[in-house]
Protein backbone atom coordinates (compact mmCIF):
# COMPACT_ATOMS: atom_id res chain seq x y z
CA UNK A 1 -4.37 -2.06 9.80
CA UNK A 2 -2.20 -4.87 8.41
CA UNK A 3 1.12 -5.42 10.07
CA UNK A 4 3.80 -6.83 7.70
CA UNK A 5 6.71 -5.75 9.89
CA UNK A 6 9.56 -8.49 9.47
CA UNK A 7 7.89 -10.05 6.15
CA UNK A 8 9.88 -9.89 2.81
CA UNK A 9 8.08 -9.52 -0.50
CA UNK A 10 6.12 -10.84 -1.88
CA UNK A 11 4.24 -11.53 1.48
CA UNK A 12 3.23 -7.92 2.34
CA UNK A 13 1.67 -7.61 -1.16
CA UNK A 14 -0.03 -10.79 -0.98
CA UNK A 15 -1.53 -9.86 2.38
CA UNK A 16 -2.80 -6.63 1.13
CA UNK A 17 -4.06 -8.40 -2.18
CA UNK A 18 -6.06 -10.78 0.10
CA UNK A 19 -7.64 -8.11 2.29
CA UNK A 20 -8.51 -5.97 -1.00
CA UNK A 21 -10.04 -9.16 -2.73
CA UNK A 22 -12.02 -10.10 0.54
CA UNK A 23 -13.25 -7.01 2.03
CA UNK A 24 -13.33 -4.44 -1.04
CA UNK A 25 -12.77 -1.53 1.59
CA UNK A 26 -12.08 2.03 0.16
CA UNK A 27 -9.03 2.35 2.58
CA UNK A 28 -6.39 0.22 4.15
CA UNK A 29 -3.15 0.82 6.20
CA UNK A 30 0.17 -1.58 6.02
CA UNK A 31 2.81 -1.20 8.54
CA UNK A 32 5.96 -2.29 7.21
CA UNK A 33 10.09 -1.84 8.09
CA UNK A 34 11.35 -1.81 4.42
CA UNK A 35 11.40 0.19 1.36
CA UNK A 36 11.18 -2.55 -1.12
CA UNK A 37 8.10 -3.42 0.61
CA UNK A 38 6.71 0.02 0.28
CA UNK A 39 7.37 0.29 -3.35
CA UNK A 40 6.08 -2.89 -4.24
CA UNK A 41 2.66 -2.22 -2.14
CA UNK A 42 2.44 0.90 -3.95
CA UNK A 43 2.60 -0.60 -7.42
CA UNK A 44 0.10 -2.99 -6.33
CA UNK A 45 -2.05 -0.23 -4.87
CA UNK A 46 -2.13 1.56 -8.34
CA UNK A 47 -2.79 -1.70 -10.28
CA UNK A 48 -5.78 -2.32 -8.17
CA UNK A 49 -7.23 1.01 -8.38
CA UNK A 50 -5.84 2.68 -5.16
CA UNK A 51 -3.64 5.55 -4.41
CA UNK A 52 -0.75 4.97 -2.16
CA UNK A 53 1.19 7.06 0.28
CA UNK A 54 3.62 6.37 2.80
CA UNK A 55 4.86 7.96 5.81
CA UNK A 56 8.27 7.01 7.72
CA UNK A 57 7.56 7.27 11.64
CA UNK A 58 11.10 6.17 12.22
CA UNK A 59 13.70 3.94 10.49
CA UNK A 60 11.82 0.72 11.33
CA UNK A 61 8.31 1.59 11.06
CA UNK A 62 6.61 2.89 7.68
CA UNK A 63 2.83 3.24 7.14
CA UNK A 64 1.56 2.72 3.67
CA UNK A 65 -2.03 4.12 3.37
CA UNK A 66 -4.05 2.99 0.43
CA UNK A 67 -7.30 4.76 -0.67
CA UNK A 68 -9.46 4.16 -3.61
CA UNK A 69 -9.00 6.20 -6.57
CA UNK A 70 -11.68 8.02 -8.62
CA UNK A 71 -11.42 7.57 -12.46
CA UNK A 72 -9.90 10.83 -13.05
CA UNK A 73 -7.12 10.36 -10.62
CA UNK A 74 -6.53 6.80 -11.98
CA UNK A 75 -6.02 8.44 -15.45
CA UNK A 76 -3.40 11.04 -14.02
CA UNK A 77 -0.80 8.38 -12.77
CA UNK A 78 1.72 7.88 -9.83
CA UNK A 79 1.53 9.21 -6.30
CA UNK A 80 3.94 7.45 -3.82
CA UNK A 81 4.81 10.01 -1.31
CA UNK A 82 3.44 13.49 -0.58
């Protein structure tokens, strides 16, 4: 889990991007406290071949989960919140 609470963009995106480039995991979770960060991380996730979903735990904690997309899912488009 990457804790990006208190960080403003582009820092959270750079943190998740660095993790993806270094570890190539199929799943990541980012913890943040602001919606602009969520939106930017979700855009990055899509461009990097991941599906991103977020859940608000409360007004101060938002979890962004990223998971590798299949080729078929990559062709279907956005997925932000479910």
